[in-house]
């Protein structure tokens, strides 16, 4: 039976910030802290002279976005499993969809790693980039904080060393 890998499509932008995610946080934190997190995660922007508030999703550049997205998907998965009479082979939610990678030629991509079965039954691995990966990162002349620019390089070096 071929191995399978699932990935949530556009997780950060699919988190229901003002509904599910804030409720998940409030169950685990004091109300005062939850209120502060809601304030930090609320995103406003101006387009054509009009102010808008982002009502779904967390801003991808927000330092809290990965934490909120991970808590959100972890709770979603647990609820799907807990509600099932028979343990699910798949789960659904209106805002959550998955991409599926199937093992091909004994190789399976998982995140940024390509895993394969060796002849002796052990596993090998190497870096993996999706076909849509464009090798685009922060431009050196962008207005990002220098620490964020350094973090991009540091992350890539650490990732290469780890893999």
C-alpha atoms as a PDB file:
ATOM      1  CA  UNK A   1       0.000   0.000   0.000  1.00  0.00           C
ATOM      2  CA  UNK A   2       1.544   3.361  -1.006  1.00  0.00           C
ATOM      3  CA  UNK A   3       2.303   5.898   1.711  1.00  0.00           C
ATOM      4  CA  UNK A   4       0.480   9.240   1.703  1.00  0.00           C
ATOM      5  CA  UNK A   5       1.252  12.745   2.947  1.00  0.00           C
ATOM      6  CA  UNK A   6      -1.369  15.435   3.558  1.00  0.00           C
ATOM      7  CA  UNK A   7      -0.853  19.195   3.691  1.00  0.00           C
ATOM      8  CA  UNK A   8      -3.391  21.829   4.708  1.00  0.00           C
ATOM      9  CA  UNK A   9      -4.015  24.282   1.883  1.00  0.00           C
ATOM     10  CA  UNK A  10      -3.320  27.922   2.848  1.00  0.00           C
ATOM     11  CA  UNK A  11      -3.551  27.242   6.581  1.00  0.00           C
ATOM     12  CA  UNK A  12      -2.760  30.752   7.832  1.00  0.00           C
ATOM     13  CA  UNK A  13      -5.360  32.409   5.646  1.00  0.00           C
ATOM     14  CA  UNK A  14      -8.022  29.805   6.453  1.00  0.00           C
ATOM     15  CA  UNK A  15      -7.906  30.150  10.267  1.00  0.00           C
ATOM     16  CA  UNK A  16     -11.168  31.663  11.480  1.00  0.00           C
ATOM     17  CA  UNK A  17      -9.472  34.272  13.648  1.00  0.00           C
ATOM     18  CA  UNK A  18     -12.552  35.924  15.075  1.00  0.00           C
ATOM     19  CA  UNK A  19     -14.394  32.702  15.750  1.00  0.00           C
ATOM     20  CA  UNK A  20     -12.722  29.351  16.266  1.00  0.00           C
ATOM     21  CA  UNK A  21      -9.114  30.409  16.877  1.00  0.00           C
ATOM     22  CA  UNK A  22      -9.945  32.993  19.546  1.00  0.00           C
ATOM     23  CA  UNK A  23     -12.236  30.481  21.296  1.00  0.00           C
ATOM     24  CA  UNK A  24      -9.424  27.911  21.266  1.00  0.00           C
ATOM     25  CA  UNK A  25      -7.023  30.448  22.745  1.00  0.00           C
ATOM     26  CA  UNK A  26      -9.490  31.601  25.403  1.00  0.00           C
ATOM     27  CA  UNK A  27      -9.950  28.024  26.646  1.00  0.00           C
ATOM     28  CA  UNK A  28      -6.213  27.880  27.296  1.00  0.00           C
ATOM     29  CA  UNK A  29      -5.456  31.450  28.403  1.00  0.00           C
ATOM     30  CA  UNK A  30      -6.810  34.108  30.718  1.00  0.00           C
ATOM     31  CA  UNK A  31      -9.398  36.414  29.109  1.00  0.00           C
ATOM     32  CA  UNK A  32      -7.096  39.433  29.499  1.00  0.00           C
ATOM     33  CA  UNK A  33      -4.371  37.734  27.454  1.00  0.00           C
ATOM     34  CA  UNK A  34      -6.875  36.538  24.840  1.00  0.00           C
ATOM     35  CA  UNK A  35      -8.070  40.134  24.392  1.00  0.00           C
ATOM     36  CA  UNK A  36      -4.464  41.276  23.850  1.00  0.00           C
ATOM     37  CA  UNK A  37      -3.821  38.482  21.342  1.00  0.00           C
ATOM     38  CA  UNK A  38      -6.976  39.418  19.423  1.00  0.00           C
ATOM     39  CA  UNK A  39      -5.698  43.012  19.250  1.00  0.00           C
ATOM     40  CA  UNK A  40      -2.264  41.917  18.049  1.00  0.00           C
ATOM     41  CA  UNK A  41      -3.686  39.557  15.415  1.00  0.00           C
ATOM     42  CA  UNK A  42      -6.248  42.002  14.027  1.00  0.00           C
ATOM     43  CA  UNK A  43      -5.000  43.334  10.707  1.00  0.00           C
ATOM     44  CA  UNK A  44      -6.053  46.619   9.138  1.00  0.00           C
ATOM     45  CA  UNK A  45      -5.071  47.953   5.744  1.00  0.00           C
ATOM     46  CA  UNK A  46      -5.902  50.816   3.404  1.00  0.00           C
ATOM     47  CA  UNK A  47      -6.891  50.334  -0.204  1.00  0.00           C
ATOM     48  CA  UNK A  48      -7.829  53.202  -2.477  1.00  0.00           C
ATOM     49  CA  UNK A  49      -8.290  55.499   0.527  1.00  0.00           C
ATOM     50  CA  UNK A  50     -10.654  53.141   2.402  1.00  0.00           C
ATOM     51  CA  UNK A  51      -9.720  51.333   5.645  1.00  0.00           C
ATOM     52  CA  UNK A  52     -10.437  47.594   5.846  1.00  0.00           C
ATOM     53  CA  UNK A  53     -10.189  44.980   8.585  1.00  0.00           C
ATOM     54  CA  UNK A  54      -9.141  41.435   7.722  1.00  0.00           C
ATOM     55  CA  UNK A  55     -11.916  39.251   9.159  1.00  0.00           C
ATOM     56  CA  UNK A  56     -10.565  35.764   8.387  1.00  0.00           C
ATOM     57  CA  UNK A  57      -7.078  34.374   8.585  1.00  0.00           C
ATOM     58  CA  UNK A  58      -4.014  35.573  10.405  1.00  0.00           C
ATOM     59  CA  UNK A  59      -1.415  37.793   8.805  1.00  0.00           C
ATOM     60  CA  UNK A  60       1.304  35.512   7.462  1.00  0.00           C
ATOM     61  CA  UNK A  61       4.049  37.837   8.722  1.00  0.00           C
ATOM     62  CA  UNK A  62       2.688  37.937  12.274  1.00  0.00           C
ATOM     63  CA  UNK A  63       4.982  36.274  14.840  1.00  0.00           C
ATOM     64  CA  UNK A  64       1.883  34.739  16.461  1.00  0.00           C
ATOM     65  CA  UNK A  65       0.480  33.330  13.212  1.00  0.00           C
ATOM     66  CA  UNK A  66       2.296  29.953  13.347  1.00  0.00           C
ATOM     67  CA  UNK A  67       1.277  29.405  16.975  1.00  0.00           C
ATOM     68  CA  UNK A  68      -2.370  30.273  16.334  1.00  0.00           C
ATOM     69  CA  UNK A  69      -2.494  28.223  13.125  1.00  0.00           C
ATOM     70  CA  UNK A  70      -0.945  25.191  14.846  1.00  0.00           C
ATOM     71  CA  UNK A  71      -3.345  25.382  17.800  1.00  0.00           C
ATOM     72  CA  UNK A  72      -6.229  25.780  15.376  1.00  0.00           C
ATOM     73  CA  UNK A  73      -5.371  22.750  13.242  1.00  0.00           C
ATOM     74  CA  UNK A  74      -4.489  20.632  16.296  1.00  0.00           C
ATOM     75  CA  UNK A  75      -7.897  21.349  17.852  1.00  0.00           C
ATOM     76  CA  UNK A  76      -9.627  20.760  14.507  1.00  0.00           C
ATOM     77  CA  UNK A  77      -7.956  17.358  14.135  1.00  0.00           C
ATOM     78  CA  UNK A  78      -8.765  16.318  17.699  1.00  0.00           C
ATOM     79  CA  UNK A  79     -12.428  17.309  17.341  1.00  0.00           C
ATOM     80  CA  UNK A  80     -12.723  15.376  14.083  1.00  0.00           C
ATOM     81  CA  UNK A  81     -11.261  12.264  15.712  1.00  0.00           C
ATOM     82  CA  UNK A  82     -13.289  12.609  18.933  1.00  0.00           C
ATOM     83  CA  UNK A  83     -16.607  13.000  17.075  1.00  0.00           C
ATOM     84  CA  UNK A  84     -16.130   9.960  14.868  1.00  0.00           C
ATOM     85  CA  UNK A  85     -17.790   6.664  15.758  1.00  0.00           C
ATOM     86  CA  UNK A  86     -15.241   5.036  13.492  1.00  0.00           C
ATOM     87  CA  UNK A  87     -11.824   6.627  13.408  1.00  0.00           C
ATOM     88  CA  UNK A  88     -11.757   8.768  10.268  1.00  0.00           C
ATOM     89  CA  UNK A  89      -9.736   8.057   7.204  1.00  0.00           C
ATOM     90  CA  UNK A  90     -10.325  11.732   6.311  1.00  0.00           C
ATOM     91  CA  UNK A  91     -11.948  14.781   7.858  1.00  0.00           C
ATOM     92  CA  UNK A  92     -13.700  17.911   6.615  1.00  0.00           C
ATOM     93  CA  UNK A  93     -14.350  21.476   7.687  1.00  0.00           C
ATOM     94  CA  UNK A  94     -15.626  24.264   5.425  1.00  0.00           C
ATOM     95  CA  UNK A  95     -12.379  26.220   5.780  1.00  0.00           C
ATOM     96  CA  UNK A  96      -9.922  23.326   5.742  1.00  0.00           C
ATOM     97  CA  UNK A  97      -8.841  21.510   2.613  1.00  0.00           C
ATOM     98  CA  UNK A  98      -5.857  19.297   1.966  1.00  0.00           C
ATOM     99  CA  UNK A  99      -3.457  18.484  -0.784  1.00  0.00           C
ATOM    100  CA  UNK A 100      -2.416  14.852  -1.042  1.00  0.00           C
ATOM    101  CA  UNK A 101       0.969  13.515  -2.023  1.00  0.00           C
ATOM    102  CA  UNK A 102       1.143   9.832  -2.918  1.00  0.00           C
ATOM    103  CA  UNK A 103       4.277   7.757  -2.783  1.00  0.00           C
ATOM    104  CA  UNK A 104       5.769   7.412  -6.251  1.00  0.00           C
ATOM    105  CA  UNK A 105       8.808   5.269  -7.093  1.00  0.00           C
ATOM    106  CA  UNK A 106       9.226   4.609  -3.333  1.00  0.00           C
ATOM    107  CA  UNK A 107       9.576   8.381  -2.731  1.00  0.00           C
ATOM    108  CA  UNK A 108       7.269  10.642  -0.721  1.00  0.00           C
ATOM    109  CA  UNK A 109       7.610  14.409  -0.264  1.00  0.00           C
ATOM    110  CA  UNK A 110       6.792  15.654   3.231  1.00  0.00           C
ATOM    111  CA  UNK A 111       7.101  19.367   3.893  1.00  0.00           C
ATOM    112  CA  UNK A 112      10.592  20.274   2.642  1.00  0.00           C
ATOM    113  CA  UNK A 113      11.944  16.717   2.818  1.00  0.00           C
ATOM    114  CA  UNK A 114      11.881  13.966   0.197  1.00  0.00           C
ATOM    115  CA  UNK A 115      11.797  10.580   1.935  1.00  0.00           C
ATOM    116  CA  UNK A 116      12.494   7.319   0.109  1.00  0.00           C
ATOM    117  CA  UNK A 117      12.844   3.638   0.889  1.00  0.00           C
ATOM    118  CA  UNK A 118      16.332   2.203   0.441  1.00  0.00           C
ATOM    119  CA  UNK A 119      16.903  -1.349  -0.773  1.00  0.00           C
ATOM    120  CA  UNK A 120      17.714  -2.486   2.795  1.00  0.00           C
ATOM    121  CA  UNK A 121      14.351  -1.145   4.066  1.00  0.00           C
ATOM    122  CA  UNK A 122      15.790   1.915   5.804  1.00  0.00           C
ATOM    123  CA  UNK A 123      14.803   5.461   4.850  1.00  0.00           C
ATOM    124  CA  UNK A 124      16.814   8.076   3.011  1.00  0.00           C
ATOM    125  CA  UNK A 125      16.029  11.768   2.735  1.00  0.00           C
ATOM    126  CA  UNK A 126      17.022  14.970   0.980  1.00  0.00           C
ATOM    127  CA  UNK A 127      15.771  18.517   0.462  1.00  0.00           C
ATOM    128  CA  UNK A 128      12.516  18.815  -1.463  1.00  0.00           C
ATOM    129  CA  UNK A 129      10.938  21.761  -3.208  1.00  0.00           C
ATOM    130  CA  UNK A 130       7.452  21.684  -4.649  1.00  0.00           C
ATOM    131  CA  UNK A 131       7.271  22.216  -8.413  1.00  0.00           C
ATOM    132  CA  UNK A 132       5.688  25.621  -7.731  1.00  0.00           C
ATOM    133  CA  UNK A 133       8.597  26.730  -5.479  1.00  0.00           C
ATOM    134  CA  UNK A 134      10.208  29.800  -7.007  1.00  0.00           C
ATOM    135  CA  UNK A 135      13.233  30.361  -4.714  1.00  0.00           C
ATOM    136  CA  UNK A 136      11.881  33.816  -3.874  1.00  0.00           C
ATOM    137  CA  UNK A 137      12.566  35.157  -0.397  1.00  0.00           C
ATOM    138  CA  UNK A 138      12.801  38.651   1.099  1.00  0.00           C
ATOM    139  CA  UNK A 139      14.472  41.112  -1.241  1.00  0.00           C
ATOM    140  CA  UNK A 140      17.594  42.645   0.281  1.00  0.00           C
ATOM    141  CA  UNK A 141      16.226  46.155  -0.358  1.00  0.00           C
ATOM    142  CA  UNK A 142      12.764  45.477   1.079  1.00  0.00           C
ATOM    143  CA  UNK A 143      11.517  47.427   4.100  1.00  0.00           C
ATOM    144  CA  UNK A 144      11.652  44.398   6.400  1.00  0.00           C
ATOM    145  CA  UNK A 145      13.588  44.639   9.643  1.00  0.00           C
ATOM    146  CA  UNK A 146      17.223  43.510   9.248  1.00  0.00           C
ATOM    147  CA  UNK A 147      16.626  40.729  11.796  1.00  0.00           C
ATOM    148  CA  UNK A 148      13.896  39.283   9.548  1.00  0.00           C
ATOM    149  CA  UNK A 149      16.248  39.351   6.567  1.00  0.00           C
ATOM    150  CA  UNK A 150      18.963  37.581   8.576  1.00  0.00           C
ATOM    151  CA  UNK A 151      16.406  35.047   9.792  1.00  0.00           C
ATOM    152  CA  UNK A 152      15.629  33.994   6.213  1.00  0.00           C
ATOM    153  CA  UNK A 153      19.266  33.115   5.567  1.00  0.00           C
ATOM    154  CA  UNK A 154      19.672  31.512   8.990  1.00  0.00           C
ATOM    155  CA  UNK A 155      16.558  29.378   8.442  1.00  0.00           C
ATOM    156  CA  UNK A 156      17.756  28.144   5.053  1.00  0.00           C
ATOM    157  CA  UNK A 157      21.225  27.284   6.407  1.00  0.00           C
ATOM    158  CA  UNK A 158      19.769  25.491   9.445  1.00  0.00           C
ATOM    159  CA  UNK A 159      17.286  23.627   7.285  1.00  0.00           C
ATOM    160  CA  UNK A 160      19.999  22.420   4.929  1.00  0.00           C
ATOM    161  CA  UNK A 161      22.154  21.329   7.866  1.00  0.00           C
ATOM    162  CA  UNK A 162      19.300  19.521   9.580  1.00  0.00           C
ATOM    163  CA  UNK A 163      18.113  17.700   6.477  1.00  0.00           C
END
